[in-house]
Amino acid sequence: MESVGGVGVLAKGVGILDALVDGPLDLAALQAVTGLPRATAHRLAVALEGHGLIRRDGLGRFCLGLELIRLGRAAAEALPLTEVATPHLAALRDETGESVQLYVMDGDARRCVVSLQSPHGLRWIVAEGARLPLAVGSAGKVLVGGVELASSVEEREPGVASVSAPVIDRAGRVVAAVSVSGPVERLSREPASRFGGAVQRAAREITHALDR
């Protein structure tokens, strides 16, 4: 019988949680996605369920548990950047009428740590906690390239445009990217011309607030 103790079990457990990010899975599908033996996948899923990190839906499939909401909120609140940035991001959302996000580097990707939705019925939604590629999208260009302003038109998703600007820490490092995103029909194919100034102002305000 395969052991599920030690550091290895942690990696396997995280792998199961990652597998459920895209939606519920029954045991066979969970095994296929994770590559774990059936018995191991079942034991770990049940163990995670016992801690509230996994639950089962009405069809008996495994899905992410509600305890993750509490942990996610606690992690976000422990990150001073989000507390400082949120009022400025809300003002940017109100000024532009579009969805606003704050991204930080997360290994070889970018993580959305704040997401405020546009009041429009037709809008672009990025879930808080979403991990997205750096290679596409204006926020990735800002985080990797350190540019003062970057735009994106239908790079990651058809019909979506965005514009981003950097948040800088005291050492002059880019610590986050402020983004406005939405339908191309509203942001246009030159989103930097439309909302670049507002995004840069918000990013500077957050930068100054962090420096206090």
N, C-alpha and C. Protein backbone atom coordinates (compact mmCIF):
# COMPACT_ATOMS: atom_id res chain seq x y z
N MET A 1 0.85 -1.20 0.00
CA MET A 1 0.00 0.00 0.00
C MET A 1 0.87 1.24 0.00
N GLU A 2 0.54 2.23 -0.81
CA GLU A 2 1.34 3.45 -0.91
C GLU A 2 1.17 4.31 0.32
N SER A 3 2.28 4.79 0.83
CA SER A 3 2.23 5.67 1.99
C SER A 3 1.73 7.04 1.58
N VAL A 4 0.95 7.67 2.46
CA VAL A 4 0.50 9.03 2.20
C VAL A 4 0.91 9.93 3.35
N GLY A 5 2.12 9.71 3.85
CA GLY A 5 2.63 10.51 4.95
C GLY A 5 3.77 11.40 4.48
N GLY A 6 4.16 12.39 5.31
CA GLY A 6 5.30 13.23 5.01
C GLY A 6 5.01 14.33 4.01
N VAL A 7 6.10 14.87 3.47
CA VAL A 7 5.99 16.00 2.56
C VAL A 7 5.24 15.63 1.28
N GLY A 8 5.42 14.39 0.83
CA GLY A 8 4.78 13.97 -0.40
C GLY A 8 3.28 14.12 -0.39
N VAL A 9 2.67 13.87 0.77
CA VAL A 9 1.21 13.95 0.84
C VAL A 9 0.75 15.39 0.67
N LEU A 10 1.57 16.35 1.13
CA LEU A 10 1.20 17.76 0.97
C LEU A 10 1.15 18.13 -0.50
N ALA A 11 2.16 17.73 -1.24
CA ALA A 11 2.19 18.03 -2.67
C ALA A 11 1.02 17.38 -3.39
N LYS A 12 0.70 16.15 -3.01
CA LYS A 12 -0.42 15.46 -3.65
C LYS A 12 -1.75 16.12 -3.28
N GLY A 13 -1.86 16.56 -2.04
CA GLY A 13 -3.08 17.24 -1.63
C GLY A 13 -3.29 18.55 -2.37
N VAL A 14 -2.20 19.30 -2.53
CA VAL A 14 -2.28 20.55 -3.29
C VAL A 14 -2.64 20.26 -4.74
N GLY A 15 -2.09 19.16 -5.26
CA GLY A 15 -2.42 18.77 -6.63
C GLY A 15 -3.91 18.48 -6.80
N ILE A 16 -4.50 17.87 -5.79
CA ILE A 16 -5.94 17.60 -5.85
C ILE A 16 -6.73 18.90 -5.82
N LEU A 17 -6.34 19.83 -4.96
CA LEU A 17 -7.03 21.12 -4.91
C LEU A 17 -6.91 21.86 -6.23
N ASP A 18 -5.72 21.85 -6.82
CA ASP A 18 -5.52 22.49 -8.12
C ASP A 18 -6.40 21.86 -9.20
N ALA A 19 -6.57 20.55 -9.12
CA ALA A 19 -7.38 19.85 -10.11
C ALA A 19 -8.84 20.26 -10.04
N LEU A 20 -9.28 20.71 -8.87
CA LEU A 20 -10.68 21.06 -8.69
C LEU A 20 -10.98 22.53 -8.98
N VAL A 21 -9.96 23.29 -9.31
CA VAL A 21 -10.16 24.72 -9.58
C VAL A 21 -11.14 24.94 -10.72
N ASP A 22 -11.09 24.09 -11.72
CA ASP A 22 -11.94 24.27 -12.91
C ASP A 22 -13.33 23.67 -12.76
N GLY A 23 -13.61 23.05 -11.60
CA GLY A 23 -14.96 22.52 -11.39
C GLY A 23 -14.95 21.15 -10.75
N PRO A 24 -16.14 20.66 -10.36
CA PRO A 24 -16.26 19.37 -9.68
C PRO A 24 -15.77 18.20 -10.52
N LEU A 25 -15.24 17.18 -9.84
CA LEU A 25 -14.78 15.96 -10.50
C LEU A 25 -15.20 14.75 -9.68
N ASP A 26 -15.62 13.69 -10.37
CA ASP A 26 -15.84 12.44 -9.64
C ASP A 26 -14.49 11.78 -9.41
N LEU A 27 -14.47 10.67 -8.68
CA LEU A 27 -13.20 10.05 -8.31
C LEU A 27 -12.40 9.62 -9.53
N ALA A 28 -13.06 9.06 -10.53
CA ALA A 28 -12.34 8.60 -11.72
C ALA A 28 -11.68 9.77 -12.44
N ALA A 29 -12.41 10.88 -12.57
CA ALA A 29 -11.85 12.05 -13.25
C ALA A 29 -10.73 12.68 -12.43
N LEU A 30 -10.91 12.70 -11.11
CA LEU A 30 -9.88 13.25 -10.23
C LEU A 30 -8.60 12.42 -10.34
N GLN A 31 -8.74 11.12 -10.38
CA GLN A 31 -7.59 10.24 -10.55
C GLN A 31 -6.90 10.51 -11.88
N ALA A 32 -7.69 10.67 -12.93
CA ALA A 32 -7.12 10.90 -14.26
C ALA A 32 -6.37 12.22 -14.33
N VAL A 33 -6.92 13.26 -13.74
CA VAL A 33 -6.29 14.58 -13.81
C VAL A 33 -5.01 14.64 -12.98
N THR A 34 -5.04 14.04 -11.80
CA THR A 34 -3.88 14.12 -10.91
C THR A 34 -2.83 13.06 -11.19
N GLY A 35 -3.23 11.96 -11.83
CA GLY A 35 -2.30 10.86 -12.07
C GLY A 35 -2.02 10.02 -10.85
N LEU A 36 -2.80 10.21 -9.79
CA LEU A 36 -2.62 9.44 -8.56
C LEU A 36 -3.31 8.09 -8.66
N PRO A 37 -2.81 7.09 -7.94
CA PRO A 37 -3.55 5.82 -7.85
C PRO A 37 -4.94 6.07 -7.26
N ARG A 38 -5.89 5.28 -7.65
CA ARG A 38 -7.27 5.50 -7.22
C ARG A 38 -7.40 5.53 -5.70
N ALA A 39 -6.75 4.59 -5.03
CA ALA A 39 -6.85 4.54 -3.56
C ALA A 39 -6.26 5.78 -2.92
N THR A 40 -5.13 6.24 -3.45
CA THR A 40 -4.48 7.44 -2.90
C THR A 40 -5.35 8.67 -3.13
N ALA A 41 -5.87 8.82 -4.33
CA ALA A 41 -6.73 9.96 -4.63
C ALA A 41 -7.94 9.99 -3.71
N HIS A 42 -8.51 8.82 -3.47
CA HIS A 42 -9.70 8.74 -2.61
C HIS A 42 -9.34 9.09 -1.16
N ARG A 43 -8.25 8.53 -0.64
CA ARG A 43 -7.87 8.80 0.74
C ARG A 43 -7.58 10.28 0.97
N LEU A 44 -6.84 10.88 0.04
CA LEU A 44 -6.50 12.29 0.21
C LEU A 44 -7.73 13.19 0.07
N ALA A 45 -8.59 12.89 -0.88
CA ALA A 45 -9.80 13.70 -1.07
C ALA A 45 -10.68 13.63 0.17
N VAL A 46 -10.83 12.45 0.73
CA VAL A 46 -11.65 12.31 1.94
C VAL A 46 -11.01 13.04 3.12
N ALA A 47 -9.66 12.98 3.21
CA ALA A 47 -8.97 13.69 4.28
C ALA A 47 -9.16 15.20 4.14
N LEU A 48 -9.03 15.71 2.92
CA LEU A 48 -9.24 17.13 2.68
C LEU A 48 -10.69 17.53 2.95
N GLU A 49 -11.60 16.64 2.64
CA GLU A 49 -13.01 16.89 2.92
C GLU A 49 -13.23 17.04 4.42
N GLY A 50 -12.53 16.23 5.21
CA GLY A 50 -12.66 16.32 6.65
C GLY A 50 -12.22 17.64 7.23
N HIS A 51 -11.32 18.33 6.51
CA HIS A 51 -10.85 19.65 6.96
C HIS A 51 -11.62 20.79 6.30
N GLY A 52 -12.63 20.48 5.52
CA GLY A 52 -13.43 21.51 4.88
C GLY A 52 -12.82 22.10 3.64
N LEU A 53 -11.67 21.55 3.19
CA LEU A 53 -11.00 22.08 2.00
C LEU A 53 -11.62 21.52 0.73
N ILE A 54 -12.34 20.42 0.85
CA ILE A 54 -13.07 19.81 -0.25
C ILE A 54 -14.46 19.47 0.27
N ARG A 55 -15.45 19.56 -0.59
CA ARG A 55 -16.81 19.14 -0.27
C ARG A 55 -17.34 18.35 -1.44
N ARG A 56 -18.55 17.84 -1.32
CA ARG A 56 -19.17 17.11 -2.42
C ARG A 56 -20.45 17.82 -2.84
N ASP A 57 -20.66 17.84 -4.15
CA ASP A 57 -21.87 18.48 -4.66
C ASP A 57 -23.03 17.49 -4.64
N GLY A 58 -24.15 17.90 -5.20
CA GLY A 58 -25.35 17.06 -5.18
C GLY A 58 -25.22 15.75 -5.91
N LEU A 59 -24.22 15.66 -6.79
CA LEU A 59 -23.98 14.43 -7.55
C LEU A 59 -22.88 13.58 -6.92
N GLY A 60 -22.40 14.02 -5.75
CA GLY A 60 -21.36 13.26 -5.08
C GLY A 60 -19.97 13.53 -5.59
N ARG A 61 -19.81 14.51 -6.48
CA ARG A 61 -18.50 14.83 -7.02
C ARG A 61 -17.71 15.70 -6.03
N PHE A 62 -16.41 15.60 -6.09
CA PHE A 62 -15.56 16.42 -5.25
C PHE A 62 -15.44 17.83 -5.84
N CYS A 63 -15.49 18.85 -4.96
CA CYS A 63 -15.30 20.23 -5.39
C CYS A 63 -14.65 21.00 -4.25
N LEU A 64 -14.18 22.19 -4.54
CA LEU A 64 -13.49 22.99 -3.54
C LEU A 64 -14.41 23.31 -2.36
N GLY A 65 -13.84 23.25 -1.15
CA GLY A 65 -14.63 23.44 0.06
C GLY A 65 -14.73 24.88 0.51
N LEU A 66 -15.69 25.15 1.36
CA LEU A 66 -15.95 26.51 1.82
C LEU A 66 -14.87 27.04 2.75
N GLU A 67 -14.11 26.15 3.38
CA GLU A 67 -13.03 26.60 4.26
C GLU A 67 -11.98 27.40 3.48
N LEU A 68 -11.87 27.13 2.20
CA LEU A 68 -10.91 27.87 1.38
C LEU A 68 -11.28 29.34 1.26
N ILE A 69 -12.57 29.64 1.37
CA ILE A 69 -13.00 31.04 1.32
C ILE A 69 -12.44 31.79 2.52
N ARG A 70 -12.56 31.18 3.70
CA ARG A 70 -12.04 31.81 4.92
C ARG A 70 -10.53 32.00 4.84
N LEU A 71 -9.83 30.97 4.39
CA LEU A 71 -8.38 31.06 4.29
C LEU A 71 -7.96 32.11 3.26
N GLY A 72 -8.69 32.16 2.14
CA GLY A 72 -8.37 33.13 1.11
C GLY A 72 -8.56 34.56 1.59
N ARG A 73 -9.64 34.79 2.31
CA ARG A 73 -9.89 36.13 2.85
C ARG A 73 -8.82 36.52 3.85
N ALA A 74 -8.43 35.56 4.70
CA ALA A 74 -7.40 35.85 5.70
C ALA A 74 -6.07 36.16 5.02
N ALA A 75 -5.74 35.43 3.95
CA ALA A 75 -4.49 35.68 3.23
C ALA A 75 -4.51 37.05 2.58
N ALA A 76 -5.66 37.41 1.98
CA ALA A 76 -5.77 38.71 1.32
C ALA A 76 -5.66 39.86 2.32
N GLU A 77 -6.29 39.68 3.49
CA GLU A 77 -6.26 40.73 4.51
C GLU A 77 -4.87 40.89 5.11
N ALA A 78 -4.08 39.81 5.07
CA ALA A 78 -2.73 39.87 5.62
C ALA A 78 -1.75 40.53 4.65
N LEU A 79 -2.18 40.77 3.44
CA LEU A 79 -1.33 41.41 2.44
C LEU A 79 -1.62 42.91 2.45
N PRO A 80 -0.77 43.73 3.04
CA PRO A 80 -1.05 45.17 3.17
C PRO A 80 -1.37 45.84 1.84
N LEU A 81 -0.78 45.35 0.78
CA LEU A 81 -0.99 45.95 -0.53
C LEU A 81 -2.47 46.02 -0.88
N THR A 82 -3.21 44.94 -0.63
CA THR A 82 -4.61 44.94 -1.00
C THR A 82 -5.42 45.94 -0.18
N GLU A 83 -5.09 46.07 1.09
CA GLU A 83 -5.81 47.01 1.94
C GLU A 83 -5.57 48.44 1.49
N VAL A 84 -4.31 48.74 1.16
CA VAL A 84 -3.95 50.08 0.71
C VAL A 84 -4.56 50.39 -0.66
N ALA A 85 -4.55 49.38 -1.54
CA ALA A 85 -4.94 49.61 -2.93
C ALA A 85 -6.45 49.68 -3.15
N THR A 86 -7.22 48.94 -2.37
CA THR A 86 -8.64 48.77 -2.67
C THR A 86 -9.41 50.09 -2.83
N PRO A 87 -9.25 51.08 -1.94
CA PRO A 87 -10.00 52.34 -2.13
C PRO A 87 -9.66 53.03 -3.46
N HIS A 88 -8.41 52.98 -3.85
CA HIS A 88 -7.99 53.61 -5.11
C HIS A 88 -8.52 52.82 -6.32
N LEU A 89 -8.56 51.50 -6.18
CA LEU A 89 -9.10 50.67 -7.25
C LEU A 89 -10.60 50.90 -7.41
N ALA A 90 -11.29 51.06 -6.27
CA ALA A 90 -12.73 51.33 -6.33
C ALA A 90 -13.00 52.67 -7.01
N ALA A 91 -12.17 53.67 -6.72
CA ALA A 91 -12.33 54.97 -7.37
C ALA A 91 -12.06 54.85 -8.87
N LEU A 92 -11.08 54.04 -9.24
CA LEU A 92 -10.79 53.83 -10.66
C LEU A 92 -11.95 53.13 -11.35
N ARG A 93 -12.53 52.15 -10.70
CA ARG A 93 -13.70 51.45 -11.27
C ARG A 93 -14.85 52.43 -11.47
N ASP A 94 -15.07 53.29 -10.49
CA ASP A 94 -16.17 54.25 -10.60
C ASP A 94 -15.90 55.28 -11.69
N GLU A 95 -14.65 55.69 -11.84
CA GLU A 95 -14.29 56.68 -12.85
C GLU A 95 -14.43 56.13 -14.26
N THR A 96 -13.98 54.90 -14.46
CA THR A 96 -13.98 54.32 -15.81
C THR A 96 -15.26 53.56 -16.14
N GLY A 97 -15.94 53.07 -15.12
CA GLY A 97 -17.12 52.24 -15.34
C GLY A 97 -16.78 50.84 -15.80
N GLU A 98 -15.48 50.46 -15.70
CA GLU A 98 -15.04 49.15 -16.16
C GLU A 98 -14.48 48.33 -15.01
N SER A 99 -14.31 47.05 -15.25
CA SER A 99 -13.74 46.17 -14.23
C SER A 99 -12.29 46.52 -13.97
N VAL A 100 -11.89 46.40 -12.71
CA VAL A 100 -10.53 46.77 -12.29
C VAL A 100 -9.92 45.61 -11.52
N GLN A 101 -8.64 45.34 -11.78
CA GLN A 101 -7.94 44.27 -11.09
C GLN A 101 -6.58 44.75 -10.59
N LEU A 102 -6.09 44.06 -9.57
CA LEU A 102 -4.73 44.25 -9.09
C LEU A 102 -4.04 42.90 -9.14
N TYR A 103 -2.90 42.85 -9.84
CA TYR A 103 -2.15 41.60 -10.00
C TYR A 103 -0.79 41.70 -9.33
N VAL A 104 -0.31 40.57 -8.82
CA VAL A 104 1.05 40.47 -8.31
C VAL A 104 1.72 39.27 -8.96
N MET A 105 3.04 39.24 -8.94
CA MET A 105 3.78 38.10 -9.45
C MET A 105 3.54 36.89 -8.55
N ASP A 106 3.41 35.74 -9.15
CA ASP A 106 3.28 34.49 -8.41
C ASP A 106 4.06 33.43 -9.17
N GLY A 107 5.35 33.35 -8.87
CA GLY A 107 6.21 32.43 -9.61
C GLY A 107 6.32 32.83 -11.06
N ASP A 108 5.95 31.92 -11.95
CA ASP A 108 6.01 32.22 -13.39
C ASP A 108 4.66 32.66 -13.94
N ALA A 109 3.81 33.18 -13.06
CA ALA A 109 2.47 33.63 -13.46
C ALA A 109 2.13 34.91 -12.71
N ARG A 110 0.92 35.39 -12.94
CA ARG A 110 0.42 36.54 -12.19
C ARG A 110 -0.85 36.13 -11.46
N ARG A 111 -1.02 36.68 -10.27
CA ARG A 111 -2.16 36.33 -9.43
C ARG A 111 -3.02 37.56 -9.22
N CYS A 112 -4.33 37.42 -9.43
CA CYS A 112 -5.26 38.52 -9.17
C CYS A 112 -5.60 38.54 -7.68
N VAL A 113 -5.22 39.63 -6.99
CA VAL A 113 -5.46 39.71 -5.55
C VAL A 113 -6.62 40.63 -5.21
N VAL A 114 -7.01 41.49 -6.14
CA VAL A 114 -8.23 42.31 -5.98
C VAL A 114 -8.93 42.36 -7.32
N SER A 115 -10.25 42.18 -7.32
CA SER A 115 -11.03 42.26 -8.55
C SER A 115 -12.35 42.96 -8.25
N LEU A 116 -12.57 44.08 -8.91
CA LEU A 116 -13.79 44.86 -8.74
C LEU A 116 -14.53 44.89 -10.06
N GLN A 117 -15.79 44.49 -10.04
CA GLN A 117 -16.53 44.33 -11.28
C GLN A 117 -17.18 45.62 -11.76
N SER A 118 -17.24 45.74 -13.07
CA SER A 118 -17.93 46.85 -13.72
C SER A 118 -19.44 46.76 -13.43
N PRO A 119 -20.12 47.90 -13.35
CA PRO A 119 -21.57 47.87 -13.18
C PRO A 119 -22.32 47.51 -14.46
N HIS A 120 -21.62 47.48 -15.60
CA HIS A 120 -22.27 47.15 -16.86
C HIS A 120 -22.70 45.68 -16.88
N GLY A 121 -23.78 45.41 -17.56
CA GLY A 121 -24.22 44.03 -17.71
C GLY A 121 -23.22 43.22 -18.51
N LEU A 122 -22.67 43.82 -19.57
CA LEU A 122 -21.63 43.19 -20.36
C LEU A 122 -20.30 43.64 -19.79
N ARG A 123 -19.57 42.71 -19.16
CA ARG A 123 -18.34 43.07 -18.47
C ARG A 123 -17.38 41.89 -18.47
N TRP A 124 -16.12 42.19 -18.18
CA TRP A 124 -15.09 41.17 -18.11
C TRP A 124 -14.82 40.90 -16.63
N ILE A 125 -14.93 39.65 -16.23
CA ILE A 125 -14.78 39.27 -14.82
C ILE A 125 -13.54 38.40 -14.66
N VAL A 126 -12.68 38.79 -13.73
CA VAL A 126 -11.55 37.98 -13.32
C VAL A 126 -11.76 37.66 -11.84
N ALA A 127 -11.77 36.40 -11.50
CA ALA A 127 -12.00 36.00 -10.11
C ALA A 127 -10.79 36.33 -9.25
N GLU A 128 -11.03 36.82 -8.04
CA GLU A 128 -9.93 37.02 -7.11
C GLU A 128 -9.28 35.67 -6.83
N GLY A 129 -7.97 35.66 -6.88
CA GLY A 129 -7.24 34.42 -6.69
C GLY A 129 -6.86 33.74 -7.99
N ALA A 130 -7.42 34.20 -9.11
CA ALA A 130 -7.12 33.58 -10.41
C ALA A 130 -5.63 33.74 -10.72
N ARG A 131 -5.03 32.66 -11.22
CA ARG A 131 -3.62 32.66 -11.61
C ARG A 131 -3.56 32.61 -13.14
N LEU A 132 -2.99 33.64 -13.72
CA LEU A 132 -3.01 33.80 -15.17
C LEU A 132 -1.58 33.90 -15.72
N PRO A 133 -1.39 33.63 -16.99
CA PRO A 133 -0.05 33.66 -17.58
C PRO A 133 0.52 35.07 -17.67
N LEU A 134 1.83 35.15 -17.62
CA LEU A 134 2.51 36.44 -17.76
C LEU A 134 2.70 36.83 -19.22
N ALA A 135 2.71 35.84 -20.09
CA ALA A 135 3.07 36.09 -21.49
C ALA A 135 2.01 36.84 -22.27
N VAL A 136 0.77 36.83 -21.81
CA VAL A 136 -0.29 37.53 -22.51
C VAL A 136 -1.04 38.43 -21.53
N GLY A 137 -1.53 39.56 -22.04
CA GLY A 137 -2.25 40.50 -21.20
C GLY A 137 -1.38 41.66 -20.77
N SER A 138 -1.99 42.81 -20.58
CA SER A 138 -1.23 44.02 -20.25
C SER A 138 -0.59 43.94 -18.88
N ALA A 139 -1.23 43.29 -17.90
CA ALA A 139 -0.66 43.21 -16.56
C ALA A 139 0.64 42.42 -16.56
N GLY A 140 0.70 41.36 -17.36
CA GLY A 140 1.92 40.58 -17.45
C GLY A 140 3.07 41.41 -18.00
N LYS A 141 2.78 42.24 -18.99
CA LYS A 141 3.81 43.09 -19.58
C LYS A 141 4.37 44.07 -18.54
N VAL A 142 3.49 44.57 -17.69
CA VAL A 142 3.92 45.52 -16.66
C VAL A 142 4.76 44.82 -15.60
N LEU A 143 4.32 43.65 -15.16
CA LEU A 143 5.02 42.94 -14.10
C LEU A 143 6.39 42.44 -14.55
N VAL A 144 6.48 42.00 -15.80
CA VAL A 144 7.74 41.44 -16.30
C VAL A 144 8.64 42.52 -16.89
N GLY A 145 8.05 43.39 -17.68
CA GLY A 145 8.86 44.35 -18.41
C GLY A 145 9.14 45.65 -17.69
N GLY A 146 8.38 45.93 -16.63
CA GLY A 146 8.59 47.16 -15.90
C GLY A 146 8.24 48.41 -16.68
N VAL A 147 7.36 48.31 -17.67
CA VAL A 147 6.97 49.47 -18.47
C VAL A 147 5.99 50.33 -17.70
N GLU A 148 5.91 51.59 -18.06
CA GLU A 148 5.04 52.52 -17.35
C GLU A 148 3.58 52.34 -17.71
N LEU A 149 3.30 51.82 -18.89
CA LEU A 149 1.93 51.60 -19.33
C LEU A 149 1.94 50.52 -20.41
N ALA A 150 0.99 49.60 -20.32
CA ALA A 150 0.90 48.54 -21.33
C ALA A 150 -0.56 48.28 -21.63
N SER A 151 -0.83 47.92 -22.87
CA SER A 151 -2.20 47.61 -23.27
C SER A 151 -2.26 46.25 -23.93
N SER A 152 -3.46 45.71 -23.99
CA SER A 152 -3.68 44.39 -24.60
C SER A 152 -5.03 44.40 -25.27
N VAL A 153 -5.09 43.87 -26.48
CA VAL A 153 -6.35 43.77 -27.22
C VAL A 153 -6.49 42.34 -27.73
N GLU A 154 -7.41 41.61 -27.14
CA GLU A 154 -7.74 40.24 -27.55
C GLU A 154 -6.52 39.31 -27.54
N GLU A 155 -5.62 39.53 -26.59
CA GLU A 155 -4.45 38.65 -26.50
C GLU A 155 -4.79 37.33 -25.81
N ARG A 156 -5.56 37.42 -24.72
CA ARG A 156 -5.88 36.20 -23.97
C ARG A 156 -7.28 35.71 -24.24
N GLU A 157 -8.20 36.63 -24.46
CA GLU A 157 -9.59 36.27 -24.72
C GLU A 157 -10.14 37.14 -25.84
N PRO A 158 -10.86 36.56 -26.80
CA PRO A 158 -11.48 37.35 -27.86
C PRO A 158 -12.45 38.39 -27.30
N GLY A 159 -12.41 39.58 -27.86
CA GLY A 159 -13.35 40.62 -27.47
C GLY A 159 -13.00 41.37 -26.22
N VAL A 160 -11.83 41.09 -25.61
CA VAL A 160 -11.46 41.73 -24.35
C VAL A 160 -10.20 42.58 -24.54
N ALA A 161 -10.21 43.78 -23.97
CA ALA A 161 -9.06 44.66 -23.99
C ALA A 161 -8.72 45.08 -22.57
N SER A 162 -7.48 45.49 -22.36
CA SER A 162 -7.08 45.95 -21.03
C SER A 162 -5.93 46.93 -21.14
N VAL A 163 -5.73 47.67 -20.06
CA VAL A 163 -4.59 48.58 -19.95
C VAL A 163 -4.12 48.52 -18.50
N SER A 164 -2.79 48.50 -18.31
CA SER A 164 -2.22 48.32 -16.97
C SER A 164 -1.06 49.27 -16.72
N ALA A 165 -0.84 49.58 -15.44
CA ALA A 165 0.28 50.42 -15.02
C ALA A 165 0.86 49.83 -13.73
N PRO A 166 2.15 50.09 -13.46
CA PRO A 166 2.81 49.46 -12.31
C PRO A 166 2.65 50.21 -11.00
N VAL A 167 2.66 49.43 -9.92
CA VAL A 167 2.79 49.95 -8.55
C VAL A 167 4.23 49.68 -8.14
N ILE A 168 4.90 50.71 -7.64
CA ILE A 168 6.33 50.64 -7.33
C ILE A 168 6.55 50.73 -5.82
N ASP A 169 7.47 49.90 -5.28
CA ASP A 169 7.77 50.00 -3.86
C ASP A 169 8.91 50.99 -3.62
N ARG A 170 9.32 51.13 -2.36
CA ARG A 170 10.34 52.13 -2.01
C ARG A 170 11.67 51.85 -2.67
N ALA A 171 11.92 50.59 -2.97
CA ALA A 171 13.19 50.22 -3.60
C ALA A 171 13.15 50.38 -5.12
N GLY A 172 12.02 50.86 -5.64
CA GLY A 172 11.90 51.05 -7.07
C GLY A 172 11.52 49.81 -7.84
N ARG A 173 11.06 48.77 -7.13
CA ARG A 173 10.65 47.52 -7.77
C ARG A 173 9.17 47.52 -8.08
N VAL A 174 8.81 46.89 -9.17
CA VAL A 174 7.39 46.72 -9.51
C VAL A 174 6.82 45.62 -8.62
N VAL A 175 5.83 45.97 -7.81
CA VAL A 175 5.25 45.00 -6.87
C VAL A 175 3.85 44.57 -7.29
N ALA A 176 3.25 45.32 -8.21
CA ALA A 176 1.88 44.99 -8.63
C ALA A 176 1.55 45.71 -9.92
N ALA A 177 0.47 45.28 -10.53
CA ALA A 177 -0.03 45.94 -11.74
C ALA A 177 -1.51 46.26 -11.55
N VAL A 178 -1.86 47.50 -11.81
CA VAL A 178 -3.26 47.93 -11.79
C VAL A 178 -3.81 47.82 -13.20
N SER A 179 -4.95 47.19 -13.35
CA SER A 179 -5.52 46.97 -14.68
C SER A 179 -6.97 47.39 -14.75
N VAL A 180 -7.33 47.93 -15.89
CA VAL A 180 -8.73 48.13 -16.27
C VAL A 180 -8.98 47.23 -17.46
N SER A 181 -10.05 46.45 -17.42
CA SER A 181 -10.34 45.53 -18.52
C SER A 181 -11.82 45.52 -18.83
N GLY A 182 -12.13 45.19 -20.07
CA GLY A 182 -13.53 45.14 -20.47
C GLY A 182 -13.66 44.85 -21.96
N PRO A 183 -14.87 44.92 -22.46
CA PRO A 183 -15.12 44.64 -23.89
C PRO A 183 -14.40 45.63 -24.79
N VAL A 184 -13.87 45.14 -25.89
CA VAL A 184 -13.18 46.00 -26.85
C VAL A 184 -14.10 47.10 -27.35
N GLU A 185 -15.38 46.81 -27.47
CA GLU A 185 -16.31 47.81 -28.00
C GLU A 185 -16.40 49.04 -27.12
N ARG A 186 -16.05 48.91 -25.83
CA ARG A 186 -16.05 50.08 -24.95
C ARG A 186 -14.64 50.62 -24.72
N LEU A 187 -13.67 49.73 -24.54
CA LEU A 187 -12.30 50.19 -24.31
C LEU A 187 -11.61 50.60 -25.61
N SER A 188 -12.13 50.17 -26.73
CA SER A 188 -11.61 50.43 -28.07
C SER A 188 -10.37 49.58 -28.31
N ARG A 189 -9.82 49.68 -29.50
CA ARG A 189 -8.62 48.93 -29.82
C ARG A 189 -7.35 49.69 -29.40
N GLU A 190 -7.55 50.82 -28.75
CA GLU A 190 -6.45 51.58 -28.17
C GLU A 190 -6.81 51.92 -26.72
N PRO A 191 -6.87 50.90 -25.86
CA PRO A 191 -7.31 51.12 -24.48
C PRO A 191 -6.41 52.08 -23.70
N ALA A 192 -5.13 52.16 -24.08
CA ALA A 192 -4.23 53.08 -23.39
C ALA A 192 -4.64 54.52 -23.63
N SER A 193 -5.12 54.82 -24.82
CA SER A 193 -5.57 56.18 -25.13
C SER A 193 -6.84 56.52 -24.36
N ARG A 194 -7.68 55.52 -24.15
CA ARG A 194 -8.96 55.77 -23.50
C ARG A 194 -8.83 55.87 -21.98
N PHE A 195 -8.11 54.92 -21.37
CA PHE A 195 -8.07 54.86 -19.90
C PHE A 195 -6.66 54.86 -19.33
N GLY A 196 -5.64 55.00 -20.16
CA GLY A 196 -4.27 54.94 -19.67
C GLY A 196 -3.97 55.96 -18.59
N GLY A 197 -4.43 57.17 -18.77
CA GLY A 197 -4.17 58.22 -17.78
C GLY A 197 -4.78 57.90 -16.43
N ALA A 198 -6.01 57.41 -16.44
CA ALA A 198 -6.69 57.07 -15.19
C ALA A 198 -6.00 55.92 -14.48
N VAL A 199 -5.57 54.93 -15.26
CA VAL A 199 -4.89 53.77 -14.67
C VAL A 199 -3.55 54.20 -14.06
N GLN A 200 -2.81 55.03 -14.75
CA GLN A 200 -1.53 55.49 -14.22
C GLN A 200 -1.71 56.32 -12.95
N ARG A 201 -2.74 57.16 -12.91
CA ARG A 201 -3.00 57.95 -11.70
C ARG A 201 -3.28 57.04 -10.51
N ALA A 202 -4.12 56.03 -10.73
CA ALA A 202 -4.46 55.10 -9.65
C ALA A 202 -3.22 54.35 -9.17
N ALA A 203 -2.38 53.92 -10.11
CA ALA A 203 -1.16 53.20 -9.74
C ALA A 203 -0.22 54.11 -8.94
N ARG A 204 -0.11 55.38 -9.34
CA ARG A 204 0.75 56.31 -8.60
C ARG A 204 0.20 56.57 -7.20
N GLU A 205 -1.12 56.68 -7.10
CA GLU A 205 -1.72 56.89 -5.78
C GLU A 205 -1.45 55.72 -4.84
N ILE A 206 -1.52 54.51 -5.38
CA ILE A 206 -1.24 53.33 -4.56
C ILE A 206 0.24 53.31 -4.18
N THR A 207 1.09 53.65 -5.14
CA THR A 207 2.53 53.72 -4.87
C THR A 207 2.82 54.69 -3.74
N HIS A 208 2.22 55.87 -3.77
CA HIS A 208 2.43 56.88 -2.74
C HIS A 208 1.86 56.42 -1.40
N ALA A 209 0.73 55.75 -1.42
CA ALA A 209 0.12 55.26 -0.18
C ALA A 209 1.00 54.19 0.48
N LEU A 210 1.63 53.36 -0.32
CA LEU A 210 2.52 52.33 0.23
C LEU A 210 3.76 52.94 0.86
N ASP A 211 4.12 54.12 0.40
CA ASP A 211 5.35 54.76 0.86
C ASP A 211 5.16 55.52 2.17
N ARG A 212 3.93 55.58 2.63
CA ARG A 212 3.65 56.35 3.87
C ARG A 212 4.05 55.56 5.10
